[in-house]
Amino acid sequence: QVQLVESGGGLVQAGGSLRLSCVVSGRTLSRYAMGWFRQRPGKEREFVAHRTWNGQTTYYADSVKGRFTISVDNAKNTVYLQMNSLIPEDTATYYCALAGGGPRTVIDGRMPRNYDSWGQGTQVTVSS
């Protein structure tokens, strides 16, 4: 059974940083693409960041490019989202997601439907 557990959210002032973690069990993370999404109140879930299964490619939403970084520690089977220069518009619940389609599958990481396992979410609040 696949399980994703996020942590690291919290309250931070604008301009600050947070690092979100997502521990994956039931899958070997080195073989799967991973993504981060967020959902703001009253809004649809939106793409934030994606890393291909082999780590050769990462891409980001325009709104976070240059401020957020997705990375993986294969030894810990954990994916991270480093968030710097936070702004109030980054306030949301953040979700990690594991790609569907089996190991070593390349997906369009911007589409939530291409992921088949999700964490429970962690709240990030940025105050102005």
Foldseek 3Di string as FASTA:
>chain_A
DKAKAKDWADEEAAQAKIKMKIAIPPDQQLFWKKFKWWDDPPGDIFGAKIAASNRPDIDGDPVQPPFWDWDADRVRNMIMIIGGRDDQVPWTWMKMFIFDDDTRDDDPRGDPVRTDDMHPTDTHGYHD
